[in-house]
Amino acid sequence: MNHPVTPDGRYFVVRGRLWRCSDPALSAPDRARLVKQLMAARRGVRTALQNGDEASLAAARSDVQSAKVALGERGPPWWTDGAPDHNRRLVRNSPYAAWFARSNDADE
């Protein structure tokens, strides 16, 4: 899947919504380890849902959150210029609206 990435590399767009990219300063081994942890946590969520295990579900969701924060996808922004975080916002209601409109026009 290729999703458009904002020119500053902070977000990618899925179905018109901005999602924060992982911190590009992470080393490849660290990123791989964290992605592996994230995928295991997501499998834990699926298993807990299938088993109706509320305690395991809460723990697995906490593990997902921790991995996403470590990757820089949630929590404090990984950039240091003081720009606000637009994570999970509609791209049309963000400073990236004009860029997205232009990039969609180019795709047609």
C-alpha atoms as a PDB file:
ATOM      1  CA  MET A   1       0.000   0.000   0.000  1.00  0.00           C
ATOM      2  CA  ASN A   2       1.293   3.392  -0.947  1.00  0.00           C
ATOM      3  CA  HIS A   3      -0.276   6.284   0.892  1.00  0.00           C
ATOM      4  CA  PRO A   4       0.581   9.901   0.216  1.00  0.00           C
ATOM      5  CA  VAL A   5       3.093  11.331   2.677  1.00  0.00           C
ATOM      6  CA  THR A   6       3.052  15.021   3.532  1.00  0.00           C
ATOM      7  CA  PRO A   7       5.957  17.035   2.139  1.00  0.00           C
ATOM      8  CA  ASP A   8       7.474  17.397   5.625  1.00  0.00           C
ATOM      9  CA  GLY A   9       7.331  13.613   6.166  1.00  0.00           C
ATOM     10  CA  ARG A  10       5.307  13.878   9.357  1.00  0.00           C
ATOM     11  CA  TYR A  11       2.076  12.208   8.208  1.00  0.00           C
ATOM     12  CA  PHE A  12       0.635   9.818   5.688  1.00  0.00           C
ATOM     13  CA  VAL A  13      -2.966  10.027   4.510  1.00  0.00           C
ATOM     14  CA  VAL A  14      -5.498   7.185   4.568  1.00  0.00           C
ATOM     15  CA  ARG A  15      -9.091   7.830   3.504  1.00  0.00           C
ATOM     16  CA  GLY A  16      -8.635  11.565   3.957  1.00  0.00           C
ATOM     17  CA  ARG A  17      -7.195  11.372   7.474  1.00  0.00           C
ATOM     18  CA  LEU A  18      -3.683  12.246   8.642  1.00  0.00           C
ATOM     19  CA  TRP A  19      -1.743   9.579  10.524  1.00  0.00           C
ATOM     20  CA  ARG A  20       1.605  10.340  12.127  1.00  0.00           C
ATOM     21  CA  CYS A  21       4.613   8.607  10.602  1.00  0.00           C
ATOM     22  CA  SER A  22       7.172   6.835  12.749  1.00  0.00           C
ATOM     23  CA  ASP A  23      10.107   8.855  13.990  1.00  0.00           C
ATOM     24  CA  PRO A  24      12.677   8.877  11.152  1.00  0.00           C
ATOM     25  CA  ALA A  25      15.487   9.201  13.721  1.00  0.00           C
ATOM     26  CA  LEU A  26      14.891   5.616  14.910  1.00  0.00           C
ATOM     27  CA  SER A  27      17.600   3.209  13.823  1.00  0.00           C
ATOM     28  CA  ALA A  28      16.552   0.391  11.514  1.00  0.00           C
ATOM     29  CA  PRO A  29      17.100  -2.269  14.227  1.00  0.00           C
ATOM     30  CA  ASP A  30      15.106  -0.267  16.784  1.00  0.00           C
ATOM     31  CA  ARG A  31      12.293   0.322  14.306  1.00  0.00           C
ATOM     32  CA  ALA A  32      12.196  -3.383  13.404  1.00  0.00           C
ATOM     33  CA  ARG A  33      12.101  -4.394  17.078  1.00  0.00           C
ATOM     34  CA  LEU A  34       9.302  -1.938  17.852  1.00  0.00           C
ATOM     35  CA  VAL A  35       7.263  -2.965  14.818  1.00  0.00           C
ATOM     36  CA  LYS A  36       7.636  -6.596  15.892  1.00  0.00           C
ATOM     37  CA  GLN A  37       6.371  -5.637  19.374  1.00  0.00           C
ATOM     38  CA  LEU A  38       3.470  -3.714  17.836  1.00  0.00           C
ATOM     39  CA  MET A  39       2.423  -6.634  15.664  1.00  0.00           C
ATOM     40  CA  ALA A  40       2.587  -9.030  18.633  1.00  0.00           C
ATOM     41  CA  ALA A  41       0.453  -6.621  20.677  1.00  0.00           C
ATOM     42  CA  ARG A  42      -2.096  -6.373  17.860  1.00  0.00           C
ATOM     43  CA  ARG A  43      -2.266 -10.160  17.698  1.00  0.00           C
ATOM     44  CA  GLY A  44      -2.828 -10.083  21.461  1.00  0.00           C
ATOM     45  CA  VAL A  45      -5.771  -7.721  20.970  1.00  0.00           C
ATOM     46  CA  ARG A  46      -7.261 -10.055  18.364  1.00  0.00           C
ATOM     47  CA  THR A  47      -6.843 -13.116  20.577  1.00  0.00           C
ATOM     48  CA  ALA A  48      -8.300 -11.370  23.625  1.00  0.00           C
ATOM     49  CA  LEU A  49     -11.307 -10.223  21.596  1.00  0.00           C
ATOM     50  CA  GLN A  50     -11.847 -13.739  20.268  1.00  0.00           C
ATOM     51  CA  ASN A  51     -11.657 -15.162  23.798  1.00  0.00           C
ATOM     52  CA  GLY A  52     -13.708 -12.424  25.421  1.00  0.00           C
ATOM     53  CA  ASP A  53     -10.884 -11.861  27.916  1.00  0.00           C
ATOM     54  CA  GLU A  54     -11.238  -8.283  29.161  1.00  0.00           C
ATOM     55  CA  ALA A  55      -8.067  -8.299  31.291  1.00  0.00           C
ATOM     56  CA  SER A  56      -5.926  -9.581  28.420  1.00  0.00           C
ATOM     57  CA  LEU A  57      -7.598  -7.107  26.063  1.00  0.00           C
ATOM     58  CA  ALA A  58      -6.712  -4.172  28.306  1.00  0.00           C
ATOM     59  CA  ALA A  59      -3.119  -5.385  28.620  1.00  0.00           C
ATOM     60  CA  ALA A  60      -2.769  -5.931  24.870  1.00  0.00           C
ATOM     61  CA  ARG A  61      -4.211  -2.489  24.082  1.00  0.00           C
ATOM     62  CA  SER A  62      -1.762  -0.968  26.548  1.00  0.00           C
ATOM     63  CA  ASP A  63       1.062  -2.799  24.754  1.00  0.00           C
ATOM     64  CA  VAL A  64      -0.149  -1.412  21.398  1.00  0.00           C
ATOM     65  CA  GLN A  65      -0.150   2.102  22.856  1.00  0.00           C
ATOM     66  CA  SER A  66       3.346   1.668  24.293  1.00  0.00           C
ATOM     67  CA  ALA A  67       4.748   0.422  20.983  1.00  0.00           C
ATOM     68  CA  LYS A  68       3.115   3.263  19.042  1.00  0.00           C
ATOM     69  CA  VAL A  69       4.490   5.846  21.473  1.00  0.00           C
ATOM     70  CA  ALA A  70       7.966   4.306  21.193  1.00  0.00           C
ATOM     71  CA  LEU A  71       7.694   4.455  17.382  1.00  0.00           C
ATOM     72  CA  GLY A  72       6.685   8.113  17.599  1.00  0.00           C
ATOM     73  CA  GLU A  73       3.247   7.511  16.086  1.00  0.00           C
ATOM     74  CA  ARG A  74       1.499   8.606  19.283  1.00  0.00           C
ATOM     75  CA  GLY A  75       2.457  10.650  22.299  1.00  0.00           C
ATOM     76  CA  PRO A  76       4.561  13.781  22.017  1.00  0.00           C
ATOM     77  CA  PRO A  77       5.514  14.674  18.429  1.00  0.00           C
ATOM     78  CA  TRP A  78       8.997  13.606  17.387  1.00  0.00           C
ATOM     79  CA  TRP A  79       9.724  16.876  15.589  1.00  0.00           C
ATOM     80  CA  THR A  80      11.266  19.721  17.518  1.00  0.00           C
ATOM     81  CA  ASP A  81      10.201  22.880  15.667  1.00  0.00           C
ATOM     82  CA  GLY A  82       7.126  23.421  17.847  1.00  0.00           C
ATOM     83  CA  ALA A  83       4.642  22.765  15.031  1.00  0.00           C
ATOM     84  CA  PRO A  84       1.312  21.410  16.302  1.00  0.00           C
ATOM     85  CA  ASP A  85       0.344  17.782  15.890  1.00  0.00           C
ATOM     86  CA  HIS A  86      -2.454  17.082  13.404  1.00  0.00           C
ATOM     87  CA  ASN A  87      -2.530  13.314  13.950  1.00  0.00           C
ATOM     88  CA  ARG A  88      -5.892  11.681  13.157  1.00  0.00           C
ATOM     89  CA  ARG A  89      -7.372  14.912  11.791  1.00  0.00           C
ATOM     90  CA  LEU A  90      -9.042  15.175   8.421  1.00  0.00           C
ATOM     91  CA  VAL A  91      -6.509  16.428   5.922  1.00  0.00           C
ATOM     92  CA  ARG A  92      -9.076  18.860   4.479  1.00  0.00           C
ATOM     93  CA  ASN A  93      -9.227  20.587   7.906  1.00  0.00           C
ATOM     94  CA  SER A  94      -5.460  20.887   8.268  1.00  0.00           C
ATOM     95  CA  PRO A  95      -2.614  23.010   6.947  1.00  0.00           C
ATOM     96  CA  TYR A  96      -2.020  20.186   4.433  1.00  0.00           C
ATOM     97  CA  ALA A  97      -5.379  20.671   2.664  1.00  0.00           C
ATOM     98  CA  ALA A  98      -3.994  22.545  -0.372  1.00  0.00           C
ATOM     99  CA  TRP A  99      -1.112  20.074  -0.780  1.00  0.00           C
ATOM    100  CA  PHE A 100      -3.516  17.137  -0.628  1.00  0.00           C
ATOM    101  CA  ALA A 101      -5.899  18.712  -3.132  1.00  0.00           C
ATOM    102  CA  ARG A 102      -3.003  19.294  -5.544  1.00  0.00           C
ATOM    103  CA  SER A 103      -1.660  15.757  -5.079  1.00  0.00           C
ATOM    104  CA  ASN A 104      -5.122  14.278  -5.735  1.00  0.00           C
ATOM    105  CA  ASP A 105      -5.502  16.389  -8.892  1.00  0.00           C
ATOM    106  CA  ALA A 106      -2.182  15.002 -10.149  1.00  0.00           C
ATOM    107  CA  ASP A 107      -3.406  11.426  -9.614  1.00  0.00           C
ATOM    108  CA  GLU A 108      -6.430  11.841 -11.862  1.00  0.00           C
END
